[in-house]
Amino acid sequence: MSASGFQRPLGPVSLPSSMQRSVEHKHAAQAQVAWTALRERAHAIKARAIADLDRLLVRFEREFEARGGTVLWARTAEEAAALFVDICKRHGASSVVKGKSMLSEELELNRRLEGAGIEPVETDMGEFIVQLAGQRPSHIIAPAVHLSREDVGALFRDKLGVPYSDDPARLIAIASRRLRERYLQAGVGMTGANFAIAETGTIVVVENEGNGGLSAAVPPVHVVVAGIEKVIPTLDDLLTFLPLLSRAGTGQKLTTYTHFFLGPEPGKAAYCIMVDAGRTQILRDAKIRESLYCIKCGACLSVCPIYRRTGGWAYGPVYAGPIGAILTPAMLGVRHHGEPTFASTLCGACREECPVDIDLPHQLAYMRSKAVLADAPAARPQRATLRWFARAMRSLGMYGTAANIARAALWTSTWSPWKPEAIRAWTSSRELPRPAARSFKTWWRKRQ
């Protein structure tokens, strides 16, 4: 989906207060369990699973198909989407109800379904809102966190033709009524997979709204899209991950719903599309293999000092935040997707917050070095800027002149309709912060 359409400019961007409270709740919830021990255990389980991935995937396929399902394999995003469209056409589906799935965003599944004449319907409340607005999710677990309830009320009024309201309960009721009939009309229901259990062929989906369960259970066909890294060995291993995922993602002890899908119900069909799309490239590189341990909780995005200010749309990739800055160039190529690797202070907050203890700072530094060696477009201005910066910092006069020029340019850009190309992408979705009327040095001299 395009990020155009209904879009509220985000004013000097910062993490919304709701997300700040979520971070605080997460820390309180983590204090209630042996968090360090759980992290270490989860890291070890994922290390074992990724090291033994080929065998576990074969076992998962065998067990899933023994329960009546069908496993399909996709090497690329295009191949995965084509398999999904083929399933819809084979079963005569004209619409698909979708549970929340970041992988479906990675596959650009909505666009590809629409191109085939099949209507995709997002059923997660946040995803429903951003789909209605013609946008992409701005956060891994909170897709519409960038919109206020007033924004959503205006959106529903304009797009759904209902009276304006900014009452969250009423807005949720409006969306629920609209979606209820869509479940009954859909020929195919789609979900992602938080975990795929090799031992039993079980797909595990955790959520808080119930839409994932309805998307899987109501239509006659259930299609799971899952990255190959989602496989873990046993059901016992799941007991480590469930309290980690809920606490790291939302601060809950456990999510409202934990679904275990064990193949199709009588008279129905179930498919699981296992997607590579660059993941085996990561698997081959020992220095970033740990990024495949990610359980997509969004914790690193919520604590990162860069993304807390810029928001999830800042650099374009589907997966925002520190983990996205590793996964995107690793899967799609660092030469043309290396820019996000430079959007990091390497402060280590992301690793401290990661429930699977992924060494994100060192992986970011490694991917940054690969971008420089590949002469990625992002690296060229970085090198030129740092050379200029180093020269300016050696001279007090040059430093003062540069600061005054930057302040004047920023003031001009805040009111001028014309924007320099360098900041046009930023100002298309957010407002520039207004600079201080005078510098600290000027204020200090006058104070003296």
Protein backbone atom coordinates (compact mmCIF):
# COMPACT_ATOMS: atom_id res chain seq x y z
CA MET A 1 0.00 0.00 0.00
CA SER A 2 1.07 3.51 -0.66
CA ALA A 3 1.99 5.85 2.16
CA SER A 4 0.08 8.59 0.41
CA GLY A 5 -3.54 9.53 0.98
CA PHE A 6 -4.79 10.43 4.44
CA GLN A 7 -1.70 11.43 6.31
CA ARG A 8 -1.34 13.70 9.30
CA PRO A 9 1.97 15.59 9.35
CA LEU A 10 3.75 14.54 12.49
CA GLY A 11 5.00 17.56 14.21
CA PRO A 12 8.48 17.37 15.91
CA VAL A 13 8.09 13.61 16.09
CA SER A 14 8.45 11.71 19.32
CA LEU A 15 7.20 8.43 20.64
CA PRO A 16 3.50 8.91 21.50
CA SER A 17 2.70 8.94 25.21
CA SER A 18 0.80 5.67 24.80
CA MET A 19 3.98 3.98 23.57
CA GLN A 20 6.02 5.56 26.37
CA ARG A 21 3.56 4.11 28.88
CA SER A 22 3.83 0.77 27.08
CA VAL A 23 7.61 0.77 27.59
CA GLU A 24 7.12 1.48 31.29
CA HIS A 25 4.52 -1.32 31.57
CA LYS A 26 6.91 -3.70 29.83
CA HIS A 27 9.66 -3.01 32.35
CA ALA A 28 7.23 -3.51 35.23
CA ALA A 29 6.02 -6.81 33.74
CA GLN A 30 9.56 -8.00 33.10
CA ALA A 31 10.42 -7.45 36.75
CA GLN A 32 7.81 -10.09 37.68
CA VAL A 33 9.69 -12.96 36.02
CA ALA A 34 13.25 -14.23 35.81
CA TRP A 35 13.77 -12.04 32.76
CA THR A 36 17.51 -12.58 32.32
CA ALA A 37 17.19 -16.36 32.56
CA LEU A 38 14.28 -16.38 30.09
CA ARG A 39 16.27 -14.28 27.61
CA GLU A 40 19.26 -16.58 27.83
CA ARG A 41 17.07 -19.65 27.35
CA ALA A 42 15.26 -18.09 24.37
CA HIS A 43 18.57 -17.10 22.77
CA ALA A 44 19.84 -20.67 23.12
CA ILE A 45 16.65 -22.17 21.68
CA LYS A 46 16.72 -19.88 18.65
CA ALA A 47 20.43 -20.54 18.14
CA ARG A 48 19.74 -24.25 18.10
CA ALA A 49 16.72 -23.84 15.80
CA ILE A 50 18.54 -21.68 13.26
CA ALA A 51 21.58 -23.98 13.27
CA ASP A 52 19.27 -26.95 12.62
CA LEU A 53 16.82 -25.10 10.37
CA ASP A 54 16.89 -27.48 7.40
CA ARG A 55 15.96 -30.51 9.49
CA LEU A 56 13.31 -28.64 11.49
CA LEU A 57 11.61 -27.31 8.35
CA VAL A 58 11.39 -30.80 6.88
CA ARG A 59 9.92 -32.12 10.12
CA PHE A 60 7.41 -29.25 10.32
CA GLU A 61 6.27 -29.95 6.75
CA ARG A 62 5.81 -33.64 7.51
CA GLU A 63 3.79 -33.00 10.67
CA PHE A 64 1.66 -30.18 9.18
CA GLU A 65 0.74 -32.31 6.16
CA ALA A 66 0.06 -35.35 8.37
CA ARG A 67 -2.75 -33.22 9.92
CA GLY A 68 -4.30 -32.56 6.50
CA GLY A 69 -2.62 -29.26 5.60
CA THR A 70 -0.41 -28.38 2.63
CA VAL A 71 3.01 -26.72 2.90
CA LEU A 72 4.24 -24.61 -0.01
CA TRP A 73 7.73 -23.16 -0.37
CA ALA A 74 8.57 -19.71 -1.75
CA ARG A 75 12.11 -18.56 -2.55
CA THR A 76 11.12 -14.93 -3.17
CA ALA A 77 8.42 -12.46 -2.15
CA GLU A 78 7.01 -12.54 -5.68
CA GLU A 79 6.79 -16.33 -5.61
CA ALA A 80 5.05 -16.30 -2.21
CA ALA A 81 2.46 -13.76 -3.36
CA ALA A 82 1.88 -15.73 -6.57
CA LEU A 83 1.26 -18.90 -4.54
CA PHE A 84 -1.23 -17.02 -2.36
CA VAL A 85 -3.09 -15.61 -5.37
CA ASP A 86 -3.18 -19.08 -6.95
CA ILE A 87 -4.79 -20.53 -3.81
CA CYS A 88 -7.45 -17.80 -3.86
CA LYS A 89 -8.25 -18.42 -7.52
CA ARG A 90 -8.31 -22.19 -7.07
CA HIS A 91 -10.92 -21.83 -4.32
CA GLY A 92 -12.88 -19.10 -6.12
CA ALA A 93 -12.23 -16.44 -3.46
CA SER A 94 -13.00 -12.83 -4.33
CA SER A 95 -11.95 -11.44 -0.93
CA VAL A 96 -9.46 -12.30 1.81
CA VAL A 97 -9.73 -11.40 5.50
CA LYS A 98 -6.26 -10.90 6.97
CA GLY A 99 -5.00 -11.23 10.49
CA LYS A 100 -2.05 -9.02 11.38
CA SER A 101 1.13 -10.01 9.57
CA MET A 102 4.25 -7.98 8.91
CA LEU A 103 5.35 -10.64 6.43
CA SER A 104 2.29 -9.85 4.29
CA GLU A 105 3.53 -6.23 4.24
CA GLU A 106 6.97 -7.47 3.20
CA LEU A 107 5.34 -9.46 0.37
CA GLU A 108 3.22 -6.42 -0.65
CA LEU A 109 0.38 -8.92 -0.56
CA ASN A 110 -2.44 -6.37 -0.59
CA ARG A 111 -1.18 -4.75 -3.76
CA ARG A 112 -0.68 -8.08 -5.47
CA LEU A 113 -4.12 -9.35 -4.46
CA GLU A 114 -5.77 -6.18 -5.73
CA GLY A 115 -3.88 -6.59 -9.01
CA ALA A 116 -5.46 -10.03 -9.35
CA GLY A 117 -8.96 -8.68 -8.67
CA ILE A 118 -9.11 -10.03 -5.10
CA GLU A 119 -10.03 -7.69 -2.25
CA PRO A 120 -7.79 -7.81 0.85
CA VAL A 121 -9.46 -6.80 4.12
CA GLU A 122 -7.26 -6.02 7.14
CA THR A 123 -9.01 -7.12 10.34
CA ASP A 124 -6.55 -5.97 13.00
CA MET A 125 -7.86 -2.61 14.24
CA GLY A 126 -4.60 -0.76 13.61
CA GLU A 127 -4.12 -2.40 10.22
CA PHE A 128 -7.77 -1.66 9.32
CA ILE A 129 -7.16 2.02 10.07
CA VAL A 130 -3.95 2.34 8.04
CA GLN A 131 -5.46 0.39 5.13
CA LEU A 132 -8.43 2.75 5.14
CA ALA A 133 -6.00 5.68 5.19
CA GLY A 134 -3.91 4.28 2.31
CA GLN A 135 -0.83 4.01 4.51
CA ARG A 136 1.66 1.44 5.72
CA PRO A 137 2.03 0.44 9.39
CA SER A 138 4.30 2.80 11.31
CA HIS A 139 5.18 0.29 14.04
CA ILE A 140 5.60 -3.48 14.11
CA ILE A 141 2.96 -4.07 16.81
CA ALA A 142 1.08 -0.74 16.77
CA PRO A 143 0.39 0.02 13.09
CA ALA A 144 -1.61 3.22 13.65
CA VAL A 145 0.28 4.64 16.63
CA HIS A 146 1.07 7.77 14.61
CA LEU A 147 -2.64 8.71 14.40
CA SER A 148 -4.65 10.29 17.21
CA ARG A 149 -8.23 9.28 17.96
CA GLU A 150 -9.32 12.58 16.39
CA ASP A 151 -7.51 11.57 13.20
CA VAL A 152 -9.25 8.19 13.23
CA GLY A 153 -12.64 9.81 13.85
CA ALA A 154 -12.15 12.11 10.85
CA LEU A 155 -10.94 9.18 8.75
CA PHE A 156 -14.01 7.05 9.59
CA ARG A 157 -16.27 10.01 8.85
CA ASP A 158 -14.68 10.61 5.46
CA LYS A 159 -14.19 7.00 4.37
CA LEU A 160 -17.05 5.14 6.04
CA GLY A 161 -19.69 7.87 5.98
CA VAL A 162 -20.41 7.71 9.72
CA PRO A 163 -20.90 10.66 12.10
CA TYR A 164 -17.67 12.00 13.55
CA SER A 165 -16.66 10.63 16.94
CA ASP A 166 -13.36 10.53 18.80
CA ASP A 167 -14.61 8.02 21.39
CA PRO A 168 -12.37 4.92 21.11
CA ALA A 169 -15.14 2.51 22.14
CA ARG A 170 -17.45 3.88 19.46
CA LEU A 171 -14.74 3.81 16.82
CA ILE A 172 -13.93 0.19 17.63
CA ALA A 173 -17.65 -0.69 17.49
CA ILE A 174 -17.96 0.91 14.04
CA ALA A 175 -14.96 -1.05 12.72
CA SER A 176 -16.17 -4.30 14.31
CA ARG A 177 -19.60 -4.02 12.64
CA ARG A 178 -17.95 -3.42 9.28
CA LEU A 179 -15.57 -6.33 9.68
CA ARG A 180 -18.10 -8.85 11.02
CA GLU A 181 -19.85 -9.19 7.66
CA ARG A 182 -16.50 -9.37 5.84
CA TYR A 183 -15.55 -12.53 7.74
CA LEU A 184 -18.72 -14.21 6.49
CA GLN A 185 -18.18 -13.09 2.89
CA ALA A 186 -14.50 -13.98 2.55
CA GLY A 187 -13.41 -17.08 0.65
CA VAL A 188 -9.95 -17.16 2.26
CA GLY A 189 -8.63 -16.16 5.67
CA MET A 190 -4.96 -15.35 6.20
CA THR A 191 -2.80 -15.20 9.31
CA GLY A 192 0.88 -14.91 9.98
CA ALA A 193 2.69 -17.17 12.42
CA ASN A 194 4.45 -16.13 15.59
CA PHE A 195 5.86 -19.64 15.91
CA ALA A 196 5.78 -22.85 13.89
CA ILE A 197 6.38 -25.97 16.00
CA ALA A 198 8.41 -28.60 14.15
CA GLU A 199 7.56 -31.35 16.66
CA THR A 200 3.79 -31.19 16.04
CA GLY A 201 3.25 -29.14 12.87
CA THR A 202 1.44 -26.51 14.96
CA ILE A 203 1.06 -22.87 13.95
CA VAL A 204 0.95 -20.51 16.95
CA VAL A 205 -0.56 -17.02 16.65
CA VAL A 206 -0.74 -14.60 19.59
CA GLU A 207 -2.99 -11.53 19.52
CA ASN A 208 -5.28 -9.33 21.60
CA GLU A 209 -8.34 -8.71 19.44
CA GLY A 210 -9.59 -12.11 18.27
CA ASN A 211 -9.37 -11.13 14.61
CA GLY A 212 -6.64 -13.68 13.92
CA GLY A 213 -8.78 -16.51 15.23
CA LEU A 214 -11.79 -15.37 13.21
CA SER A 215 -9.72 -14.96 10.03
CA ALA A 216 -8.49 -18.54 10.42
CA ALA A 217 -11.76 -20.17 11.52
CA VAL A 218 -14.62 -18.51 9.62
CA PRO A 219 -13.62 -18.71 5.92
CA PRO A 220 -13.45 -22.16 4.29
CA VAL A 221 -9.72 -21.77 3.54
CA HIS A 222 -6.98 -20.77 5.99
CA VAL A 223 -3.60 -19.68 4.56
CA VAL A 224 -0.63 -19.09 6.86
CA VAL A 225 2.31 -17.02 5.60
CA ALA A 226 5.44 -17.59 7.67
CA GLY A 227 9.13 -16.82 7.37
CA ILE A 228 11.31 -19.92 7.52
CA GLU A 229 12.94 -18.53 10.69
CA LYS A 230 9.69 -18.90 12.65
CA VAL A 231 10.27 -22.62 13.27
CA ILE A 232 11.19 -23.73 16.77
CA PRO A 233 11.80 -27.35 17.82
CA THR A 234 9.16 -28.28 20.43
CA LEU A 235 6.02 -27.20 22.24
CA ASP A 236 8.04 -27.08 25.45
CA ASP A 237 10.21 -24.37 23.86
CA LEU A 238 7.09 -22.27 23.36
CA LEU A 239 6.74 -21.92 27.15
CA THR A 240 9.90 -19.78 27.10
CA PHE A 241 8.78 -17.49 24.28
CA LEU A 242 5.17 -16.69 25.20
CA PRO A 243 5.94 -14.70 28.39
CA LEU A 244 8.86 -12.98 26.62
CA LEU A 245 6.84 -11.93 23.57
CA SER A 246 3.89 -10.54 25.52
CA ARG A 247 6.01 -8.64 28.02
CA ALA A 248 8.42 -7.25 25.42
CA GLY A 249 5.66 -6.33 22.98
CA THR A 250 2.89 -4.86 25.12
CA GLY A 251 3.80 -5.28 28.78
CA GLN A 252 1.19 -7.99 29.34
CA LYS A 253 1.81 -11.17 31.29
CA LEU A 254 0.13 -13.02 28.44
CA THR A 255 -1.73 -11.86 25.35
CA THR A 256 -5.53 -12.18 25.32
CA TYR A 257 -5.53 -14.95 22.69
CA THR A 258 -2.98 -17.65 21.96
CA HIS A 259 -4.16 -19.76 19.01
CA PHE A 260 -2.86 -23.23 18.20
CA PHE A 261 -3.76 -24.23 14.64
CA LEU A 262 -3.50 -27.97 14.13
CA GLY A 263 -4.50 -28.39 10.51
CA PRO A 264 -7.85 -27.82 8.76
CA GLU A 265 -11.26 -28.49 10.26
CA PRO A 266 -13.38 -31.14 8.46
CA GLY A 267 -14.52 -29.83 5.09
CA LYS A 268 -12.01 -26.97 5.09
CA ALA A 269 -8.51 -26.45 3.68
CA ALA A 270 -5.30 -25.20 5.31
CA TYR A 271 -2.08 -24.07 3.64
CA CYS A 272 1.21 -22.81 5.02
CA ILE A 273 3.46 -20.80 2.69
CA MET A 274 6.99 -20.89 4.06
CA VAL A 275 8.91 -17.90 2.77
CA ASP A 276 12.64 -17.44 2.26
CA ALA A 277 12.84 -14.02 0.52
CA GLY A 278 16.48 -13.42 1.49
CA ARG A 279 16.51 -15.20 4.83
CA THR A 280 18.96 -17.89 3.68
CA GLN A 281 21.32 -15.05 2.67
CA ILE A 282 21.30 -13.96 6.32
CA LEU A 283 21.75 -17.56 7.41
CA ARG A 284 24.99 -17.76 5.40
CA ASP A 285 26.52 -14.73 7.14
CA ALA A 286 27.60 -15.74 10.66
CA LYS A 287 27.98 -12.10 11.76
CA ILE A 288 24.29 -11.27 11.32
CA ARG A 289 22.69 -14.73 11.66
CA GLU A 290 21.40 -13.72 15.09
CA SER A 291 18.96 -11.29 13.45
CA LEU A 292 16.90 -14.36 12.46
CA TYR A 293 16.26 -14.92 16.19
CA CYS A 294 13.92 -11.90 16.15
CA ILE A 295 10.35 -12.59 17.37
CA LYS A 296 8.97 -9.28 15.98
CA CYS A 297 7.99 -7.72 19.31
CA GLY A 298 8.88 -4.13 18.29
CA ALA A 299 10.76 -3.49 21.55
CA CYS A 300 13.93 -2.20 19.85
CA LEU A 301 11.90 0.29 17.81
CA SER A 302 10.18 1.62 20.93
CA VAL A 303 13.42 2.35 22.82
CA CYS A 304 15.69 3.48 19.99
CA PRO A 305 16.53 7.20 20.44
CA ILE A 306 16.49 7.66 16.64
CA TYR A 307 13.17 6.01 15.86
CA ARG A 308 11.50 7.45 18.94
CA ARG A 309 11.99 10.82 17.26
CA THR A 310 11.57 10.00 13.59
CA GLY A 311 8.82 7.36 13.65
CA GLY A 312 8.61 4.11 11.74
CA TRP A 313 8.25 5.61 8.25
CA ALA A 314 11.48 7.57 8.35
CA TYR A 315 13.65 5.33 6.18
CA GLY A 316 11.13 3.38 4.11
CA PRO A 317 11.60 -0.31 5.01
CA VAL A 318 8.66 -2.45 6.12
CA TYR A 319 10.56 -3.44 9.27
CA ALA A 320 11.40 -0.24 11.11
CA GLY A 321 13.86 0.26 13.93
CA PRO A 322 17.25 -1.33 14.61
CA ILE A 323 16.19 -4.84 13.57
CA GLY A 324 14.81 -3.50 10.29
CA ALA A 325 18.08 -1.68 9.63
CA ILE A 326 19.78 -5.09 9.68
CA LEU A 327 17.14 -7.28 8.01
CA THR A 328 16.29 -4.99 5.09
CA PRO A 329 19.79 -4.52 3.60
CA ALA A 330 20.67 -8.12 4.43
CA MET A 331 17.65 -9.47 2.52
CA LEU A 332 17.37 -6.91 -0.28
CA GLY A 333 20.99 -5.87 -0.80
CA VAL A 334 23.12 -3.41 1.14
CA ARG A 335 24.11 -1.31 -1.87
CA HIS A 336 20.64 0.13 -2.40
CA HIS A 337 19.12 -0.47 1.05
CA GLY A 338 22.03 0.42 3.32
CA GLU A 339 20.81 3.85 4.43
CA PRO A 340 18.99 2.69 7.63
CA THR A 341 22.23 1.22 8.99
CA PHE A 342 23.53 4.77 9.49
CA ALA A 343 20.43 5.81 11.49
CA SER A 344 21.77 4.58 14.81
CA THR A 345 23.69 5.97 17.75
CA LEU A 346 24.97 2.45 18.55
CA CYS A 347 24.04 3.21 22.16
CA GLY A 348 23.05 -0.40 22.93
CA ALA A 349 19.50 0.32 24.19
CA CYS A 350 18.08 -2.02 21.54
CA ARG A 351 20.13 -4.97 22.77
CA GLU A 352 19.25 -4.30 26.39
CA GLU A 353 15.55 -4.33 25.45
CA CYS A 354 15.63 -7.31 23.06
CA PRO A 355 13.86 -10.31 24.65
CA VAL A 356 16.05 -12.73 22.68
CA ASP A 357 19.31 -10.86 23.43
CA ILE A 358 20.28 -10.16 19.81
CA ASP A 359 23.54 -8.22 19.59
CA LEU A 360 21.98 -5.46 17.50
CA PRO A 361 24.63 -2.72 17.94
CA HIS A 362 27.49 -4.87 16.62
CA GLN A 363 25.34 -6.13 13.76
CA LEU A 364 24.43 -2.54 12.85
CA ALA A 365 28.10 -1.56 12.85
CA TYR A 366 28.91 -4.58 10.68
CA MET A 367 26.15 -3.78 8.17
CA ARG A 368 27.29 -0.15 8.14
CA SER A 369 30.80 -1.25 7.20
CA LYS A 370 29.36 -3.42 4.41
CA ALA A 371 27.41 -0.43 3.09
CA VAL A 372 30.59 1.67 3.00
CA LEU A 373 32.58 -1.09 1.28
CA ALA A 374 29.76 -1.54 -1.24
CA ASP A 375 29.82 2.23 -1.82
CA ALA A 376 26.14 2.38 -1.07
CA PRO A 377 24.50 5.69 -2.04
CA ALA A 378 23.89 6.41 1.64
CA ALA A 379 27.59 6.11 2.42
CA ARG A 380 28.78 8.76 -0.05
CA PRO A 381 27.05 11.78 1.50
CA GLN A 382 27.91 10.34 4.91
CA ARG A 383 31.64 10.41 4.12
CA ALA A 384 31.47 13.90 2.57
CA THR A 385 29.46 15.22 5.49
CA LEU A 386 31.86 13.79 8.06
CA ARG A 387 34.87 15.29 6.25
CA TRP A 388 33.18 18.70 6.22
CA PHE A 389 32.10 18.29 9.84
CA ALA A 390 35.62 17.38 10.96
CA ARG A 391 37.01 20.46 9.22
CA ALA A 392 34.37 22.74 10.73
CA MET A 393 34.87 21.39 14.25
CA ARG A 394 38.57 22.32 14.13
CA SER A 395 37.73 26.00 13.67
CA LEU A 396 35.57 27.98 16.10
CA GLY A 397 34.80 30.53 13.38
CA MET A 398 33.72 27.89 10.84
CA TYR A 399 31.63 26.14 13.47
CA GLY A 400 29.79 29.36 14.33
CA THR A 401 29.23 30.24 10.68
CA ALA A 402 27.89 26.74 9.89
CA ALA A 403 25.54 26.83 12.88
CA ASN A 404 24.14 30.21 11.80
CA ILE A 405 23.62 29.01 8.21
CA ALA A 406 21.87 25.86 9.42
CA ARG A 407 19.62 27.86 11.76
CA ALA A 408 18.68 30.29 8.98
CA ALA A 409 17.98 27.45 6.54
CA LEU A 410 15.80 25.68 9.10
CA TRP A 411 13.82 28.84 9.84
CA THR A 412 13.29 29.41 6.11
CA SER A 413 12.18 25.80 5.53
CA THR A 414 9.54 25.96 8.28
CA TRP A 415 7.48 28.59 6.44
CA SER A 416 8.56 28.29 2.80
CA PRO A 417 6.40 26.07 0.51
CA TRP A 418 9.56 25.07 -1.36
CA LYS A 419 11.70 22.45 0.36
CA PRO A 420 15.24 21.37 -0.54
CA GLU A 421 15.36 17.88 -1.98
CA ALA A 422 17.46 16.69 0.96
CA ILE A 423 14.58 17.26 3.40
CA ARG A 424 11.58 16.80 1.08
CA ALA A 425 11.07 13.17 2.08
CA TRP A 426 11.00 14.19 5.74
CA THR A 427 8.56 17.08 5.30
CA SER A 428 6.15 15.00 3.21
CA SER A 429 5.00 13.22 6.38
CA ARG A 430 6.14 15.35 9.31
CA GLU A 431 6.83 18.94 10.28
CA LEU A 432 10.30 20.37 10.76
CA PRO A 433 11.07 21.40 14.34
CA ARG A 434 11.37 25.16 14.79
CA PRO A 435 14.92 26.19 15.73
CA ALA A 436 15.68 28.28 18.78
CA ALA A 437 15.55 32.04 18.21
CA ARG A 438 19.22 32.32 19.19
CA SER A 439 22.09 29.97 19.85
CA PHE A 440 23.26 28.96 23.30
CA LYS A 441 26.52 30.86 22.80
CA THR A 442 24.60 34.06 21.90
CA TRP A 443 22.37 33.63 24.95
CA TRP A 444 25.44 33.00 27.15
CA ARG A 445 27.30 36.09 25.91
CA LYS A 446 24.28 38.32 26.59
CA ARG A 447 23.83 36.76 30.01
CA GLN A 448 27.47 37.53 30.85
